[in-house]
Amino acid sequence: MHPPPMDPEKLKAVIDGYSQVGKAFLAGTVLVFGGATAVLLYTANKLQLHSVDDVKAKGKDAVQPHADMIKEQIAPLRKWAEDTSRKWHYEGNKESKEKPLLDRELSRALSAKTRPN
């Protein structure tokens, strides 16, 4: 089955319509990306940012006070988590640094094996 033949004038009208849509899309893309580039350059100029190191330094100066404030607010939660974690972990008997009696006896019994003749 072949599609019905199209009238050449209708085909030309369709091509002109798609051409107009393509031109509008291109113009919109240029405006959006061009505008964003202009805004970035203007902002960098006003903030006196000339290199990546300037961006890092000014960003750190702007963010550090907020980070310190959040750190202070979270301190009680952190302490609670550390205390809870210590309760959950078994650390054994820290006071006696010697092996317990059972461990010493087992080590002695297992290491004192005699060789068969």
N, C-alpha and C. Protein backbone atom coordinates (compact mmCIF):
# COMPACT_ATOMS: atom_id res chain seq x y z
N MET A 1 0.84 -1.18 0.00
CA MET A 1 0.00 0.00 0.00
C MET A 1 0.88 1.24 0.00
N HIS A 2 0.58 2.09 -0.88
CA HIS A 2 1.30 3.36 -0.99
C HIS A 2 0.41 4.47 -0.46
N PRO A 3 1.05 5.46 0.18
CA PRO A 3 0.24 6.58 0.64
C PRO A 3 -0.30 7.36 -0.57
N PRO A 4 -1.41 8.00 -0.39
CA PRO A 4 -1.95 8.76 -1.52
C PRO A 4 -1.01 9.90 -1.88
N PRO A 5 -0.93 10.25 -3.13
CA PRO A 5 -0.04 11.34 -3.54
C PRO A 5 -0.49 12.66 -2.93
N MET A 6 0.53 13.49 -2.51
CA MET A 6 0.22 14.78 -1.90
C MET A 6 0.28 15.88 -2.94
N ASP A 7 -0.52 16.84 -2.70
CA ASP A 7 -0.53 18.02 -3.56
C ASP A 7 0.78 18.78 -3.32
N PRO A 8 1.53 19.15 -4.33
CA PRO A 8 2.81 19.86 -4.14
C PRO A 8 2.68 21.15 -3.34
N GLU A 9 1.56 21.84 -3.46
CA GLU A 9 1.39 23.10 -2.72
C GLU A 9 1.22 22.82 -1.22
N LYS A 10 0.50 21.74 -0.88
CA LYS A 10 0.34 21.37 0.52
C LYS A 10 1.68 20.94 1.11
N LEU A 11 2.46 20.21 0.33
CA LEU A 11 3.77 19.77 0.79
C LEU A 11 4.67 20.97 1.06
N LYS A 12 4.61 21.96 0.18
CA LYS A 12 5.41 23.18 0.36
C LYS A 12 4.96 23.93 1.62
N ALA A 13 3.67 23.96 1.88
CA ALA A 13 3.14 24.62 3.07
C ALA A 13 3.60 23.91 4.34
N VAL A 14 3.62 22.57 4.33
CA VAL A 14 4.09 21.81 5.49
C VAL A 14 5.56 22.09 5.74
N ILE A 15 6.36 22.11 4.69
CA ILE A 15 7.79 22.38 4.84
C ILE A 15 8.02 23.79 5.38
N ASP A 16 7.25 24.77 4.88
CA ASP A 16 7.37 26.14 5.38
C ASP A 16 6.99 26.22 6.86
N GLY A 17 5.96 25.48 7.26
CA GLY A 17 5.54 25.48 8.66
C GLY A 17 6.61 24.91 9.58
N TYR A 18 7.18 23.76 9.17
CA TYR A 18 8.26 23.18 9.98
C TYR A 18 9.49 24.09 10.00
N SER A 19 9.73 24.78 8.92
CA SER A 19 10.86 25.72 8.85
C SER A 19 10.66 26.84 9.87
N GLN A 20 9.43 27.35 9.96
CA GLN A 20 9.14 28.42 10.92
C GLN A 20 9.32 27.92 12.37
N VAL A 21 8.87 26.69 12.63
CA VAL A 21 9.02 26.12 13.97
C VAL A 21 10.50 25.96 14.30
N GLY A 22 11.30 25.49 13.36
CA GLY A 22 12.75 25.34 13.57
C GLY A 22 13.42 26.66 13.86
N LYS A 23 13.04 27.70 13.10
CA LYS A 23 13.62 29.03 13.33
C LYS A 23 13.26 29.56 14.71
N ALA A 24 12.01 29.36 15.12
CA ALA A 24 11.58 29.83 16.44
C ALA A 24 12.32 29.07 17.55
N PHE A 25 12.50 27.77 17.36
CA PHE A 25 13.23 26.98 18.34
C PHE A 25 14.67 27.46 18.45
N LEU A 26 15.31 27.73 17.33
CA LEU A 26 16.69 28.22 17.33
C LEU A 26 16.79 29.57 18.02
N ALA A 27 15.86 30.48 17.72
CA ALA A 27 15.88 31.80 18.34
C ALA A 27 15.68 31.69 19.86
N GLY A 28 14.76 30.81 20.29
CA GLY A 28 14.53 30.63 21.73
C GLY A 28 15.75 30.06 22.43
N THR A 29 16.41 29.10 21.78
CA THR A 29 17.61 28.50 22.36
C THR A 29 18.70 29.54 22.52
N VAL A 30 18.90 30.35 21.50
CA VAL A 30 19.94 31.40 21.57
C VAL A 30 19.61 32.39 22.68
N LEU A 31 18.35 32.77 22.79
CA LEU A 31 17.97 33.71 23.85
C LEU A 31 18.19 33.13 25.24
N VAL A 32 17.80 31.89 25.45
CA VAL A 32 17.94 31.29 26.78
C VAL A 32 19.41 31.12 27.16
N PHE A 33 20.19 30.47 26.29
CA PHE A 33 21.58 30.22 26.64
C PHE A 33 22.42 31.51 26.60
N GLY A 34 22.11 32.40 25.69
CA GLY A 34 22.81 33.69 25.66
C GLY A 34 22.51 34.52 26.89
N GLY A 35 21.25 34.52 27.30
CA GLY A 35 20.86 35.26 28.51
C GLY A 35 21.51 34.68 29.75
N ALA A 36 21.55 33.36 29.84
CA ALA A 36 22.18 32.72 31.00
C ALA A 36 23.67 33.03 31.05
N THR A 37 24.32 33.01 29.89
CA THR A 37 25.74 33.34 29.84
C THR A 37 25.97 34.79 30.25
N ALA A 38 25.13 35.69 29.78
CA ALA A 38 25.27 37.11 30.13
C ALA A 38 25.09 37.31 31.64
N VAL A 39 24.11 36.63 32.23
CA VAL A 39 23.88 36.75 33.67
C VAL A 39 25.06 36.22 34.46
N LEU A 40 25.61 35.08 34.04
CA LEU A 40 26.78 34.52 34.73
C LEU A 40 27.98 35.46 34.64
N LEU A 41 28.23 35.99 33.48
CA LEU A 41 29.36 36.91 33.32
C LEU A 41 29.16 38.18 34.14
N TYR A 42 27.96 38.71 34.15
CA TYR A 42 27.66 39.92 34.93
C TYR A 42 27.86 39.65 36.42
N THR A 43 27.36 38.51 36.90
CA THR A 43 27.50 38.15 38.31
C THR A 43 28.97 37.96 38.69
N ALA A 44 29.71 37.28 37.84
CA ALA A 44 31.14 37.07 38.11
C ALA A 44 31.87 38.41 38.16
N ASN A 45 31.51 39.34 37.30
CA ASN A 45 32.14 40.65 37.28
C ASN A 45 31.81 41.43 38.56
N LYS A 46 30.55 41.40 38.98
CA LYS A 46 30.15 42.13 40.19
C LYS A 46 30.77 41.54 41.45
N LEU A 47 30.94 40.22 41.48
CA LEU A 47 31.54 39.57 42.65
C LEU A 47 33.06 39.54 42.57
N GLN A 48 33.61 40.08 41.51
CA GLN A 48 35.06 40.13 41.28
C GLN A 48 35.67 38.73 41.30
N LEU A 49 35.06 37.84 40.56
CA LEU A 49 35.56 36.48 40.43
C LEU A 49 36.35 36.38 39.14
N HIS A 50 37.65 36.12 39.27
CA HIS A 50 38.50 36.07 38.08
C HIS A 50 39.08 34.68 37.83
N SER A 51 39.02 33.82 38.83
CA SER A 51 39.56 32.47 38.65
C SER A 51 38.76 31.49 39.50
N VAL A 52 39.04 30.22 39.34
CA VAL A 52 38.35 29.19 40.10
C VAL A 52 38.68 29.32 41.59
N ASP A 53 39.91 29.73 41.90
CA ASP A 53 40.29 29.91 43.30
C ASP A 53 39.46 31.00 43.97
N ASP A 54 39.14 32.06 43.22
CA ASP A 54 38.28 33.12 43.76
C ASP A 54 36.90 32.57 44.09
N VAL A 55 36.38 31.73 43.22
CA VAL A 55 35.06 31.14 43.45
C VAL A 55 35.09 30.28 44.71
N LYS A 56 36.14 29.46 44.86
CA LYS A 56 36.26 28.61 46.05
C LYS A 56 36.35 29.44 47.32
N ALA A 57 37.19 30.47 47.30
CA ALA A 57 37.41 31.29 48.50
C ALA A 57 36.14 32.04 48.88
N LYS A 58 35.49 32.69 47.92
CA LYS A 58 34.28 33.47 48.24
C LYS A 58 33.13 32.53 48.62
N GLY A 59 33.06 31.37 47.98
CA GLY A 59 32.02 30.41 48.34
C GLY A 59 32.20 29.91 49.76
N LYS A 60 33.45 29.62 50.12
CA LYS A 60 33.72 29.15 51.48
C LYS A 60 33.39 30.24 52.50
N ASP A 61 33.76 31.48 52.20
CA ASP A 61 33.46 32.58 53.11
C ASP A 61 31.95 32.77 53.29
N ALA A 62 31.19 32.50 52.24
CA ALA A 62 29.74 32.68 52.32
C ALA A 62 29.06 31.51 53.05
N VAL A 63 29.59 30.29 52.88
CA VAL A 63 28.93 29.11 53.42
C VAL A 63 29.38 28.77 54.84
N GLN A 64 30.61 29.10 55.20
CA GLN A 64 31.19 28.69 56.48
C GLN A 64 30.36 29.10 57.69
N PRO A 65 29.87 30.35 57.79
CA PRO A 65 29.06 30.71 58.98
C PRO A 65 27.81 29.84 59.13
N HIS A 66 27.15 29.53 58.01
CA HIS A 66 25.96 28.69 58.07
C HIS A 66 26.32 27.26 58.48
N ALA A 67 27.44 26.77 57.97
CA ALA A 67 27.87 25.41 58.33
C ALA A 67 28.20 25.33 59.82
N ASP A 68 28.85 26.35 60.36
CA ASP A 68 29.16 26.36 61.80
C ASP A 68 27.88 26.38 62.63
N MET A 69 26.89 27.16 62.20
CA MET A 69 25.64 27.25 62.93
C MET A 69 24.93 25.89 62.93
N ILE A 70 24.91 25.22 61.79
CA ILE A 70 24.27 23.91 61.71
C ILE A 70 25.02 22.90 62.58
N LYS A 71 26.35 22.99 62.58
CA LYS A 71 27.17 22.08 63.39
C LYS A 71 26.84 22.25 64.88
N GLU A 72 26.66 23.49 65.32
CA GLU A 72 26.31 23.75 66.72
C GLU A 72 24.93 23.20 67.05
N GLN A 73 24.00 23.32 66.12
CA GLN A 73 22.64 22.85 66.38
C GLN A 73 22.58 21.32 66.43
N ILE A 74 23.45 20.66 65.68
CA ILE A 74 23.42 19.20 65.61
C ILE A 74 24.28 18.56 66.70
N ALA A 75 25.07 19.34 67.42
CA ALA A 75 25.98 18.79 68.43
C ALA A 75 25.28 17.88 69.45
N PRO A 76 24.12 18.25 70.01
CA PRO A 76 23.47 17.33 70.97
C PRO A 76 23.08 15.99 70.33
N LEU A 77 22.61 16.03 69.08
CA LEU A 77 22.25 14.80 68.39
C LEU A 77 23.49 13.93 68.17
N ARG A 78 24.60 14.55 67.83
CA ARG A 78 25.85 13.81 67.61
C ARG A 78 26.32 13.15 68.90
N LYS A 79 26.25 13.90 70.00
CA LYS A 79 26.68 13.33 71.28
C LYS A 79 25.79 12.16 71.66
N TRP A 80 24.48 12.30 71.47
CA TRP A 80 23.56 11.20 71.78
C TRP A 80 23.89 9.98 70.94
N ALA A 81 24.16 10.17 69.64
CA ALA A 81 24.47 9.04 68.75
C ALA A 81 25.76 8.36 69.18
N GLU A 82 26.77 9.14 69.57
CA GLU A 82 28.03 8.55 70.03
C GLU A 82 27.82 7.74 71.31
N ASP A 83 27.07 8.30 72.25
CA ASP A 83 26.80 7.59 73.51
C ASP A 83 26.03 6.30 73.27
N THR A 84 25.04 6.37 72.42
CA THR A 84 24.24 5.18 72.10
C THR A 84 25.09 4.14 71.41
N SER A 85 25.96 4.56 70.53
CA SER A 85 26.84 3.64 69.82
C SER A 85 27.78 2.94 70.79
N ARG A 86 28.29 3.67 71.77
CA ARG A 86 29.18 3.06 72.76
C ARG A 86 28.45 2.00 73.58
N LYS A 87 27.18 2.24 73.87
CA LYS A 87 26.41 1.27 74.64
C LYS A 87 26.20 -0.01 73.86
N TRP A 88 26.06 0.10 72.55
CA TRP A 88 25.76 -1.06 71.71
C TRP A 88 26.97 -1.92 71.41
N HIS A 89 28.17 -1.37 71.52
CA HIS A 89 29.38 -2.12 71.18
C HIS A 89 30.00 -2.72 72.44
N TYR A 90 30.31 -4.01 72.37
CA TYR A 90 30.96 -4.69 73.48
C TYR A 90 32.46 -4.50 73.34
N GLU A 91 33.07 -3.94 74.36
CA GLU A 91 34.50 -3.68 74.30
C GLU A 91 35.30 -4.60 75.23
N GLY A 92 34.67 -5.49 75.90
CA GLY A 92 35.38 -6.42 76.77
C GLY A 92 35.82 -5.75 78.06
N ASN A 93 36.66 -6.44 78.79
CA ASN A 93 37.15 -5.93 80.05
C ASN A 93 38.44 -5.15 79.80
N LYS A 94 38.37 -3.84 79.86
CA LYS A 94 39.54 -3.01 79.56
C LYS A 94 40.56 -3.01 80.70
N GLU A 95 40.11 -3.30 81.90
CA GLU A 95 41.00 -3.18 83.05
C GLU A 95 42.05 -4.27 83.10
N SER A 96 41.70 -5.49 82.77
CA SER A 96 42.69 -6.56 82.84
C SER A 96 43.32 -6.73 81.47
N LYS A 97 44.59 -6.51 81.40
CA LYS A 97 45.30 -6.63 80.13
C LYS A 97 45.85 -8.03 79.95
N GLU A 98 45.80 -8.84 80.99
CA GLU A 98 46.25 -10.22 80.87
C GLU A 98 45.15 -11.05 80.23
N LYS A 99 45.56 -12.19 79.67
CA LYS A 99 44.56 -13.10 79.12
C LYS A 99 43.78 -13.71 80.27
N PRO A 100 42.51 -13.89 80.10
CA PRO A 100 41.75 -14.58 81.15
C PRO A 100 42.29 -15.99 81.35
N LEU A 101 42.00 -16.55 82.49
CA LEU A 101 42.50 -17.86 82.87
C LEU A 101 42.12 -18.92 81.83
N LEU A 102 40.90 -18.90 81.37
CA LEU A 102 40.45 -19.89 80.40
C LEU A 102 41.25 -19.79 79.10
N ASP A 103 41.50 -18.56 78.62
CA ASP A 103 42.28 -18.38 77.39
C ASP A 103 43.70 -18.90 77.57
N ARG A 104 44.31 -18.64 78.72
CA ARG A 104 45.68 -19.11 78.95
C ARG A 104 45.74 -20.63 78.97
N GLU A 105 44.78 -21.25 79.64
CA GLU A 105 44.78 -22.71 79.73
C GLU A 105 44.54 -23.35 78.37
N LEU A 106 43.64 -22.77 77.58
CA LEU A 106 43.38 -23.31 76.24
C LEU A 106 44.62 -23.17 75.35
N SER A 107 45.26 -22.03 75.41
CA SER A 107 46.47 -21.83 74.62
C SER A 107 47.55 -22.82 75.00
N ARG A 108 47.71 -23.05 76.31
CA ARG A 108 48.73 -23.98 76.79
C ARG A 108 48.41 -25.41 76.34
N ALA A 109 47.13 -25.79 76.43
CA ALA A 109 46.74 -27.16 76.07
C ALA A 109 46.89 -27.39 74.57
N LEU A 110 46.54 -26.40 73.76
CA LEU A 110 46.60 -26.58 72.30
C LEU A 110 48.02 -26.47 71.76
N SER A 111 48.85 -25.69 72.39
CA SER A 111 50.21 -25.52 71.87
C SER A 111 51.15 -26.61 72.37
N ALA A 112 50.77 -27.38 73.37
CA ALA A 112 51.64 -28.39 73.96
C ALA A 112 51.40 -29.77 73.34
N LYS A 113 51.00 -29.82 72.09
CA LYS A 113 50.78 -31.12 71.43
C LYS A 113 52.13 -31.80 71.19
N THR A 114 52.14 -33.09 71.42
CA THR A 114 53.36 -33.86 71.16
C THR A 114 53.28 -34.50 69.81
N ARG A 115 54.43 -34.68 69.18
CA ARG A 115 54.47 -35.30 67.86
C ARG A 115 54.41 -36.82 67.99
N PRO A 116 53.70 -37.48 67.13
CA PRO A 116 53.68 -38.94 67.18
C PRO A 116 55.00 -39.49 66.68
N ASN A 117 55.46 -40.62 67.27
CA ASN A 117 56.75 -41.23 66.90
C ASN A 117 56.61 -42.08 65.71
